[in-house]
Amino acid sequence: MGEPPNWFFSACSFIGFVLCAIPLPWHLEAWNTGTCLYMIWTGLGCLNQFINSVVWNTNVINKAPVWCDISSKFMIGTAVAIPAASLCINRRLYHIVSVDAVTKTRAEKRRDVLVDLAIGLGIPILEMILHYIVQGHRFNIFEEIGCYPTTYNTPPAYALVFCWPIAIGVVSAAYCVCTIRELALRRAQFKELLSANRNMSSSRYFRLMGLAGIEVLGTIPIGAYTVFLNVTISPIQPWISWANTHYNFSRVAQYPYVVWADNYQLAVSLQMSRYLIVACAFIFFAFFGFADEARRNYRVAYTSIAKKVGLTTGMVTSGTWGTGSKQDISYNGRSGMPVFITHRTDTKRDSFASFSTNLSIGDFGNTTVDEKKQPCSATTSGGSISKESLPTAAAASADVPMDFNDITLPPFPEPTLDVNAVPRHTPDAPSSRRTSLDV
């Protein structure tokens, strides 16, 4: 049997979990109950299969019996929860186009959420409880697949476990057909009907219809094929008693890969049961992972992460590239050279700027600053200084006369310097530092 390797499924299941977790926050904000239930059940189902495929990749050892109890029972709930979430989506789409009143009260919205939770959570939990009636032993362990639930192949098992996805798919298909009929009759009122739902646009409405329609088209045939496999893989055993069905209940059956892969129908049933959950995750992301609100949230997340790591987030437009600084880079497509354009900011002079100051400050774009000097005052706060007592350059050099005729310049053409021709500098005679201060 040419099946893909186990590492391929492990990678796909983990990617499916991530793809379901990415759009969950903004759908929770919009209170799309059916869509959120679909993402939660599908994402957790992918995560569950991923863990099992990694832990029991090459062995069938009962390493974590408590985990296998939870994991196998969760698989029973997931098989019903995904069709139930699709039923919630189809039911909401039908009520949007079929209601007579455009607006809904707060109590009606709360009741719709409770009904969706009863369908999307109540039915899977009830299925887990009913499965215990026909649970032959604790669980099975298949190599490369991990923990797997066991169901005693008896007639009550078809009514309690195997036929539930088909029944939910039929009800969901009925809602889908009624939605299409109402939409054809009320085509003119479609926009008015959507206005009552603040978080529902026409694009999202038709994407939900596409997702729910694919789920309906897949649930009924796959559910019927699962029933066919259960009938043909092993013979149906009669129901004798509770004690007979749960005899040796704590037993754990372990099947290596060479054993279960040799049975073609069993291998198809096992591989199909785990790959279908991954397919549901990829289908959901194909409908909602590239929508307008998704791209907007991706942009916000990228900007937030880039700011934390210190990266600049530039926005590329048709002609400019804005970096958030005071300089813009204008890109010329023909030359390919960036041109820096500096924005000049002129600041007007405020009347407060000339208060108690002696500087006349012009515009900040100019480079010249005018100063108004105050006239010097002959008196200071410390005392008065007479003009005659201040030392001057003439008085300092009066004691040493200097004859300028003694200075001879060196001849210009000669490359050597005559020492005797160098002018000698006579130091000034020290003058008295004492000044007459009139205190």
Protein backbone atom coordinates (compact mmCIF):
# COMPACT_ATOMS: atom_id res chain seq x y z
CA MET A 1 0.00 0.00 0.00
CA GLY A 2 1.63 3.23 -1.16
CA GLU A 3 0.83 5.43 1.82
CA PRO A 4 2.85 8.52 2.77
CA PRO A 5 5.42 8.25 5.58
CA ASN A 6 4.43 8.97 9.13
CA TRP A 7 6.59 12.10 9.40
CA PHE A 8 4.54 13.64 6.59
CA PHE A 9 1.34 13.17 8.58
CA SER A 10 2.98 14.57 11.72
CA ALA A 11 4.00 17.71 9.84
CA CYS A 12 0.57 18.11 8.23
CA SER A 13 -1.28 17.63 11.52
CA PHE A 14 0.83 20.23 13.31
CA ILE A 15 0.39 22.71 10.44
CA GLY A 16 -3.36 22.05 10.57
CA PHE A 17 -3.39 22.88 14.28
CA VAL A 18 -1.56 26.16 13.64
CA LEU A 19 -3.87 27.08 10.74
CA CYS A 20 -6.92 26.61 12.97
CA ALA A 21 -5.39 28.61 15.81
CA ILE A 22 -4.44 31.65 13.70
CA PRO A 23 -7.97 32.95 12.84
CA LEU A 24 -9.50 31.97 16.19
CA PRO A 25 -8.97 35.30 18.09
CA TRP A 26 -10.88 37.57 15.72
CA HIS A 27 -13.67 35.00 15.29
CA LEU A 28 -14.03 34.89 19.07
CA GLU A 29 -14.36 38.67 19.10
CA ALA A 30 -17.14 38.41 16.50
CA TRP A 31 -19.00 35.75 18.55
CA ASN A 32 -19.29 33.36 15.60
CA THR A 33 -20.18 30.37 17.76
CA GLY A 34 -20.40 27.72 15.05
CA THR A 35 -17.18 28.85 13.38
CA CYS A 36 -15.30 28.97 16.68
CA LEU A 37 -16.50 25.48 17.60
CA TYR A 38 -15.37 24.22 14.21
CA MET A 39 -11.89 25.70 14.67
CA ILE A 40 -11.51 24.48 18.26
CA TRP A 41 -12.58 20.90 17.57
CA THR A 42 -10.56 20.65 14.36
CA GLY A 43 -7.45 22.26 15.82
CA LEU A 44 -7.49 20.09 18.95
CA GLY A 45 -8.12 17.02 16.82
CA CYS A 46 -5.03 17.80 14.72
CA LEU A 47 -2.98 18.38 17.86
CA ASN A 48 -4.16 15.09 19.35
CA GLN A 49 -3.21 13.16 16.22
CA PHE A 50 0.13 14.95 16.04
CA ILE A 51 1.09 13.93 19.58
CA ASN A 52 0.07 10.32 19.01
CA SER A 53 1.99 10.06 15.74
CA VAL A 54 5.16 11.37 17.38
CA VAL A 55 5.05 9.40 20.64
CA TRP A 56 4.16 6.06 19.02
CA ASN A 57 6.10 6.54 15.82
CA THR A 58 8.09 3.29 16.00
CA ASN A 59 6.60 1.43 18.98
CA VAL A 60 3.36 0.13 20.53
CA ILE A 61 4.40 0.43 24.18
CA ASN A 62 1.69 1.57 26.55
CA LYS A 63 3.67 4.59 27.77
CA ALA A 64 0.81 6.84 28.86
CA PRO A 65 -2.39 4.95 29.66
CA VAL A 66 -4.18 7.98 31.09
CA TRP A 67 -3.37 10.00 27.98
CA CYS A 68 -4.68 7.19 25.78
CA ASP A 69 -7.93 7.12 27.76
CA ILE A 70 -8.44 10.83 27.11
CA SER A 71 -7.15 10.78 23.54
CA SER A 72 -9.25 7.84 22.38
CA LYS A 73 -12.40 9.26 23.94
CA PHE A 74 -11.67 12.66 22.36
CA MET A 75 -11.53 10.99 18.94
CA ILE A 76 -15.06 9.70 19.44
CA GLY A 77 -16.24 13.21 20.23
CA THR A 78 -14.36 14.80 17.31
CA ALA A 79 -16.00 12.46 14.80
CA VAL A 80 -19.36 13.97 15.78
CA ALA A 81 -18.24 17.48 16.79
CA ILE A 82 -17.08 18.62 13.34
CA PRO A 83 -20.42 17.75 11.64
CA ALA A 84 -22.20 19.34 14.62
CA ALA A 85 -20.24 22.56 14.18
CA SER A 86 -21.15 22.54 10.50
CA LEU A 87 -24.79 22.15 11.55
CA CYS A 88 -24.45 25.25 13.76
CA ILE A 89 -23.08 27.23 10.81
CA ASN A 90 -25.86 26.11 8.45
CA ARG A 91 -28.48 26.84 11.07
CA ARG A 92 -27.22 30.38 11.59
CA LEU A 93 -27.03 31.06 7.85
CA TYR A 94 -30.61 29.92 7.48
CA HIS A 95 -31.86 32.14 10.30
CA ILE A 96 -30.11 35.17 8.81
CA VAL A 97 -32.03 34.97 5.52
CA SER A 98 -35.33 33.64 6.90
CA VAL A 99 -36.14 35.94 9.82
CA ASP A 100 -38.85 38.56 9.34
CA ALA A 101 -37.43 41.05 11.84
CA VAL A 102 -34.17 42.67 10.83
CA THR A 103 -32.94 43.40 14.35
CA LYS A 104 -32.52 40.92 17.19
CA THR A 105 -32.79 41.58 20.88
CA ARG A 106 -30.01 40.75 23.29
CA ALA A 107 -32.01 37.86 24.71
CA GLU A 108 -32.49 36.33 21.26
CA LYS A 109 -28.76 36.54 20.52
CA ARG A 110 -27.98 34.91 23.85
CA ARG A 111 -30.44 32.13 23.13
CA ASP A 112 -28.84 31.49 19.72
CA VAL A 113 -25.42 31.15 21.35
CA LEU A 114 -26.75 28.71 23.94
CA VAL A 115 -28.41 26.59 21.25
CA ASP A 116 -25.16 26.49 19.26
CA LEU A 117 -23.24 25.44 22.35
CA ALA A 118 -25.78 22.72 23.06
CA ILE A 119 -25.30 21.37 19.53
CA GLY A 120 -21.55 21.85 19.19
CA LEU A 121 -20.61 20.78 22.73
CA GLY A 122 -23.60 18.86 24.08
CA ILE A 123 -23.89 16.31 21.26
CA PRO A 124 -20.15 15.37 21.24
CA ILE A 125 -20.09 15.00 25.03
CA LEU A 126 -23.24 12.87 24.88
CA GLU A 127 -21.58 10.75 22.18
CA MET A 128 -18.56 10.16 24.42
CA ILE A 129 -20.83 8.98 27.22
CA LEU A 130 -22.89 6.68 24.98
CA HIS A 131 -19.75 5.15 23.52
CA TYR A 132 -18.95 3.55 26.85
CA ILE A 133 -21.99 1.27 26.43
CA VAL A 134 -20.42 -0.49 23.45
CA GLN A 135 -16.75 -0.02 24.40
CA GLY A 136 -15.32 -3.55 24.37
CA HIS A 137 -12.03 -2.78 26.15
CA ARG A 138 -9.95 0.18 27.24
CA PHE A 139 -8.22 1.24 23.98
CA ASN A 140 -5.95 0.09 21.17
CA ILE A 141 -2.42 1.18 20.26
CA PHE A 142 -1.36 1.13 16.61
CA GLU A 143 2.22 1.74 15.61
CA GLU A 144 2.65 5.17 13.88
CA ILE A 145 -0.95 6.06 14.74
CA GLY A 146 -0.95 5.85 18.53
CA CYS A 147 -3.96 5.57 20.78
CA TYR A 148 -7.20 4.61 19.09
CA PRO A 149 -10.72 3.99 20.45
CA THR A 150 -12.30 0.56 20.33
CA THR A 151 -15.98 -0.22 19.70
CA TYR A 152 -17.51 -3.64 20.06
CA ASN A 153 -19.06 -4.46 16.67
CA THR A 154 -22.59 -5.10 17.80
CA PRO A 155 -25.96 -3.76 16.51
CA PRO A 156 -26.36 -1.15 19.31
CA ALA A 157 -23.01 0.36 18.25
CA TYR A 158 -24.46 1.50 14.93
CA ALA A 159 -27.28 3.37 16.62
CA LEU A 160 -25.11 4.82 19.41
CA VAL A 161 -21.84 5.61 17.60
CA PHE A 162 -21.51 4.91 13.88
CA CYS A 163 -24.67 6.56 12.51
CA TRP A 164 -24.50 9.86 14.39
CA PRO A 165 -22.39 11.70 11.78
CA ILE A 166 -24.80 10.61 9.05
CA ALA A 167 -27.84 11.82 11.00
CA ILE A 168 -26.21 15.20 11.75
CA GLY A 169 -25.16 15.53 8.11
CA VAL A 170 -28.73 14.96 6.91
CA VAL A 171 -30.09 17.70 9.21
CA SER A 172 -27.31 20.03 8.14
CA ALA A 173 -28.07 19.32 4.48
CA ALA A 174 -31.71 20.20 5.07
CA TYR A 175 -30.70 23.58 6.53
CA CYS A 176 -28.36 24.15 3.58
CA VAL A 177 -31.11 23.51 1.03
CA CYS A 178 -33.54 25.76 2.91
CA THR A 179 -30.92 28.52 3.03
CA ILE A 180 -30.40 28.39 -0.73
CA ARG A 181 -34.16 28.51 -1.31
CA GLU A 182 -34.69 31.47 1.04
CA LEU A 183 -31.73 33.28 -0.49
CA ALA A 184 -33.22 32.90 -3.96
CA LEU A 185 -36.60 34.23 -2.77
CA ARG A 186 -35.19 37.18 -0.79
CA ARG A 187 -32.37 38.22 -3.05
CA ALA A 188 -33.45 41.86 -2.98
CA GLN A 189 -33.55 41.94 0.84
CA PHE A 190 -30.20 40.21 1.31
CA LYS A 191 -28.19 43.33 2.20
CA GLU A 192 -30.88 44.52 4.57
CA LEU A 193 -30.90 41.13 6.31
CA LEU A 194 -27.13 41.21 6.71
CA SER A 195 -27.28 44.67 8.27
CA ALA A 196 -28.83 43.12 11.37
CA ASN A 197 -25.62 41.12 11.90
CA ARG A 198 -22.83 43.56 12.61
CA ASN A 199 -20.09 40.95 12.18
CA MET A 200 -21.48 39.37 9.01
CA SER A 201 -20.67 40.63 5.53
CA SER A 202 -21.76 39.21 2.20
CA SER A 203 -18.27 37.84 1.57
CA ARG A 204 -18.15 36.06 4.91
CA TYR A 205 -21.70 34.76 4.44
CA PHE A 206 -20.89 33.04 1.16
CA ARG A 207 -17.61 31.71 2.51
CA LEU A 208 -19.50 30.14 5.40
CA MET A 209 -21.96 28.68 2.93
CA GLY A 210 -19.10 27.17 0.95
CA LEU A 211 -17.48 25.66 4.05
CA ALA A 212 -20.75 24.24 5.36
CA GLY A 213 -21.70 22.92 1.93
CA ILE A 214 -18.41 21.04 1.57
CA GLU A 215 -18.85 19.58 5.05
CA VAL A 216 -22.34 18.37 4.17
CA LEU A 217 -21.17 16.86 0.89
CA GLY A 218 -18.36 15.07 2.70
CA THR A 219 -20.06 14.02 5.94
CA ILE A 220 -22.82 11.83 4.53
CA PRO A 221 -20.75 9.82 2.00
CA ILE A 222 -17.81 9.37 4.38
CA GLY A 223 -20.12 8.39 7.22
CA ALA A 224 -21.80 5.81 4.99
CA TYR A 225 -18.42 4.45 3.90
CA THR A 226 -17.34 4.15 7.55
CA VAL A 227 -20.40 2.08 8.31
CA PHE A 228 -19.60 -0.12 5.32
CA LEU A 229 -16.04 -0.68 6.56
CA ASN A 230 -17.22 -1.60 10.05
CA VAL A 231 -19.61 -4.16 8.59
CA THR A 232 -17.04 -5.75 6.27
CA ILE A 233 -13.86 -5.66 8.39
CA SER A 234 -15.23 -7.90 11.15
CA PRO A 235 -18.52 -9.77 11.58
CA ILE A 236 -21.26 -8.18 13.65
CA GLN A 237 -21.57 -9.83 17.06
CA PRO A 238 -24.91 -10.16 18.85
CA TRP A 239 -25.54 -8.15 21.97
CA ILE A 240 -25.67 -10.58 24.89
CA SER A 241 -25.27 -8.55 28.02
CA TRP A 242 -23.37 -5.69 29.61
CA ALA A 243 -21.00 -8.11 31.32
CA ASN A 244 -20.26 -9.90 28.07
CA THR A 245 -19.49 -6.67 26.23
CA HIS A 246 -17.22 -5.30 28.97
CA TYR A 247 -15.47 -8.57 29.76
CA ASN A 248 -11.76 -8.00 30.45
CA PHE A 249 -12.31 -4.27 29.97
CA SER A 250 -8.83 -3.16 31.13
CA ARG A 251 -7.17 -4.99 28.24
CA VAL A 252 -5.06 -2.89 25.82
CA ALA A 253 -4.61 -4.30 22.31
CA GLN A 254 -1.30 -3.46 20.61
CA TYR A 255 -0.78 -3.75 16.84
CA PRO A 256 2.60 -3.24 15.12
CA TYR A 257 2.70 -1.66 11.69
CA VAL A 258 3.29 -4.92 9.84
CA VAL A 259 0.12 -6.37 11.36
CA TRP A 260 -2.41 -3.62 10.69
CA ALA A 261 -0.90 -2.52 7.36
CA ASP A 262 -1.37 -6.05 6.02
CA ASN A 263 -5.16 -5.64 6.30
CA TYR A 264 -6.08 -3.26 3.48
CA GLN A 265 -9.54 -2.26 4.73
CA LEU A 266 -8.28 -1.70 8.26
CA ALA A 267 -5.40 0.41 6.98
CA VAL A 268 -7.77 2.52 4.85
CA SER A 269 -10.09 3.03 7.82
CA LEU A 270 -7.26 4.09 10.15
CA GLN A 271 -5.53 6.41 7.71
CA MET A 272 -8.79 8.00 6.53
CA SER A 273 -9.93 8.69 10.09
CA ARG A 274 -6.85 10.77 10.88
CA TYR A 275 -6.25 12.44 7.51
CA LEU A 276 -9.84 13.72 7.31
CA ILE A 277 -9.31 15.96 10.35
CA VAL A 278 -6.21 17.49 8.74
CA ALA A 279 -8.17 18.02 5.52
CA CYS A 280 -10.88 19.88 7.47
CA ALA A 281 -8.24 22.21 8.89
CA PHE A 282 -6.79 23.03 5.47
CA ILE A 283 -10.25 23.54 3.96
CA PHE A 284 -11.20 25.98 6.70
CA PHE A 285 -8.00 27.99 6.26
CA ALA A 286 -8.54 28.09 2.50
CA PHE A 287 -11.89 29.82 3.09
CA PHE A 288 -10.95 32.15 5.96
CA GLY A 289 -7.15 32.38 6.04
CA PHE A 290 -6.90 34.79 3.09
CA ALA A 291 -9.96 36.97 3.69
CA ASP A 292 -9.80 40.75 4.18
CA GLU A 293 -10.07 40.57 7.97
CA ALA A 294 -7.37 37.87 8.02
CA ARG A 295 -4.92 39.98 6.01
CA ARG A 296 -5.67 42.97 8.21
CA ASN A 297 -4.92 40.97 11.36
CA TYR A 298 -1.77 39.55 9.80
CA ARG A 299 -0.58 43.11 9.13
CA VAL A 300 -1.30 44.17 12.72
CA ALA A 301 0.49 41.12 14.11
CA TYR A 302 3.52 41.68 11.87
CA THR A 303 3.74 45.34 12.91
CA SER A 304 3.51 44.43 16.59
CA ILE A 305 6.22 41.76 16.34
CA ALA A 306 8.47 44.01 14.24
CA LYS A 307 8.28 46.79 16.82
CA LYS A 308 9.20 44.40 19.62
CA VAL A 309 12.30 43.13 17.81
CA GLY A 310 13.29 46.62 16.65
CA LEU A 311 12.54 46.36 12.94
CA THR A 312 11.15 49.25 10.91
CA THR A 313 7.84 48.52 9.24
CA GLY A 314 7.64 50.32 5.92
CA MET A 315 4.46 50.52 3.88
CA VAL A 316 5.03 50.03 0.17
CA THR A 317 2.63 51.89 -2.07
CA SER A 318 2.51 52.49 -5.81
CA GLY A 319 4.97 55.39 -5.80
CA THR A 320 6.42 56.03 -2.36
CA TRP A 321 7.90 54.13 0.50
CA GLY A 322 7.12 55.67 3.85
CA THR A 323 9.45 54.79 6.70
CA GLY A 324 7.83 56.80 9.44
CA SER A 325 10.70 59.34 9.69
CA LYS A 326 10.84 62.97 8.67
CA GLN A 327 12.49 62.09 5.40
CA ASP A 328 10.54 60.36 2.68
CA ILE A 329 12.15 58.24 0.00
CA SER A 330 10.56 58.72 -3.37
CA TYR A 331 11.28 55.82 -5.68
CA ASN A 332 11.63 56.48 -9.38
CA GLY A 333 10.80 53.36 -11.32
CA ARG A 334 12.85 54.31 -14.38
CA SER A 335 16.09 55.35 -12.73
CA GLY A 336 15.92 53.11 -9.68
CA MET A 337 17.61 55.72 -7.47
CA PRO A 338 16.06 56.82 -4.18
CA VAL A 339 15.61 60.56 -3.79
CA PHE A 340 15.56 62.00 -0.27
CA ILE A 341 13.01 64.74 0.21
CA THR A 342 13.30 66.81 3.37
CA HIS A 343 10.15 68.41 4.67
CA ARG A 344 10.79 71.97 5.87
CA THR A 345 8.81 72.90 8.91
CA ASP A 346 8.36 76.62 9.61
CA THR A 347 7.57 77.53 13.17
CA LYS A 348 5.79 80.80 13.75
CA ARG A 349 7.13 83.12 16.40
CA ASP A 350 5.08 83.14 19.50
CA SER A 351 4.50 86.30 21.47
CA PHE A 352 5.85 84.55 24.54
CA ALA A 353 9.23 84.08 22.87
CA SER A 354 10.03 87.83 23.08
CA PHE A 355 9.12 88.12 26.73
CA SER A 356 12.08 88.96 29.01
CA THR A 357 14.77 88.12 26.48
CA ASN A 358 17.21 90.08 24.38
CA LEU A 359 17.36 87.71 21.41
CA SER A 360 15.33 88.19 18.30
CA ILE A 361 14.76 84.63 17.08
CA GLY A 362 13.60 84.29 13.49
CA ASP A 363 12.29 81.22 11.70
CA PHE A 364 14.07 77.98 12.46
CA GLY A 365 14.76 77.44 8.79
CA ASN A 366 17.14 80.45 8.65
CA THR A 367 20.73 80.28 9.73
CA THR A 368 21.17 83.90 10.85
CA VAL A 369 20.39 84.88 14.41
CA ASP A 370 20.25 88.57 15.25
CA GLU A 371 21.38 89.76 18.64
CA LYS A 372 20.62 93.02 20.34
CA LYS A 373 23.43 94.14 22.61
CA GLN A 374 22.78 96.04 25.77
CA PRO A 375 24.79 99.22 26.38
CA CYS A 376 27.53 98.79 28.92
CA SER A 377 26.99 100.44 32.25
CA ALA A 378 29.82 102.11 34.12
CA THR A 379 28.58 100.81 37.41
CA THR A 380 28.10 97.28 38.62
CA SER A 381 26.52 95.81 41.63
CA GLY A 382 29.97 95.21 43.16
CA GLY A 383 31.31 98.78 42.80
CA SER A 384 32.64 101.29 40.25
CA ILE A 385 35.80 101.07 38.12
CA SER A 386 37.59 104.23 36.94
CA LYS A 387 38.58 104.31 33.33
CA GLU A 388 42.06 105.64 34.05
CA SER A 389 42.90 102.75 36.38
CA LEU A 390 42.35 100.10 33.71
CA PRO A 391 45.58 98.82 32.10
CA THR A 392 45.86 99.45 28.40
CA ALA A 393 48.11 98.01 25.79
CA ALA A 394 49.84 101.33 25.26
CA ALA A 395 50.56 101.77 28.94
CA ALA A 396 51.86 98.27 29.25
CA SER A 397 54.33 98.76 26.43
CA ALA A 398 55.31 102.37 27.30
CA ASP A 399 58.35 101.35 29.35
CA VAL A 400 59.92 99.36 26.50
CA PRO A 401 60.27 101.39 23.31
CA MET A 402 60.40 99.41 20.09
CA ASP A 403 62.22 100.59 16.96
CA PHE A 404 60.75 99.10 13.83
CA ASN A 405 63.90 99.93 11.85
CA ASP A 406 65.78 97.14 13.66
CA ILE A 407 63.56 94.48 12.07
CA THR A 408 65.03 93.14 8.84
CA LEU A 409 63.13 90.74 6.67
CA PRO A 410 64.94 87.69 5.28
CA PRO A 411 65.63 87.70 1.57
CA PHE A 412 62.94 85.92 -0.34
CA PRO A 413 64.95 83.90 -2.88
CA GLU A 414 67.36 82.40 -0.33
CA PRO A 415 66.30 78.96 0.92
CA THR A 416 68.21 79.35 4.20
CA LEU A 417 67.24 81.45 7.15
CA ASP A 418 69.70 83.93 8.69
CA VAL A 419 69.57 83.71 12.46
CA ASN A 420 70.67 87.32 12.88
CA ALA A 421 67.90 88.51 10.61
CA VAL A 422 65.12 87.05 12.79
CA PRO A 423 63.32 89.82 14.67
CA ARG A 424 63.87 89.62 18.38
CA HIS A 425 60.95 89.98 20.72
CA THR A 426 61.45 92.00 23.81
CA PRO A 427 59.11 91.05 26.65
CA ASP A 428 56.95 93.69 28.15
CA ALA A 429 57.96 95.14 31.45
CA PRO A 430 55.65 94.02 34.20
CA SER A 431 53.25 96.66 35.15
CA SER A 432 51.55 97.10 38.43
CA ARG A 433 48.38 95.05 38.70
CA ARG A 434 47.06 97.37 41.32
CA THR A 435 44.08 99.40 40.21
CA SER A 436 42.26 102.15 41.99
CA LEU A 437 38.85 100.90 42.88
CA ASP A 438 36.37 103.38 44.18
CA VAL A 439 34.32 101.28 46.52
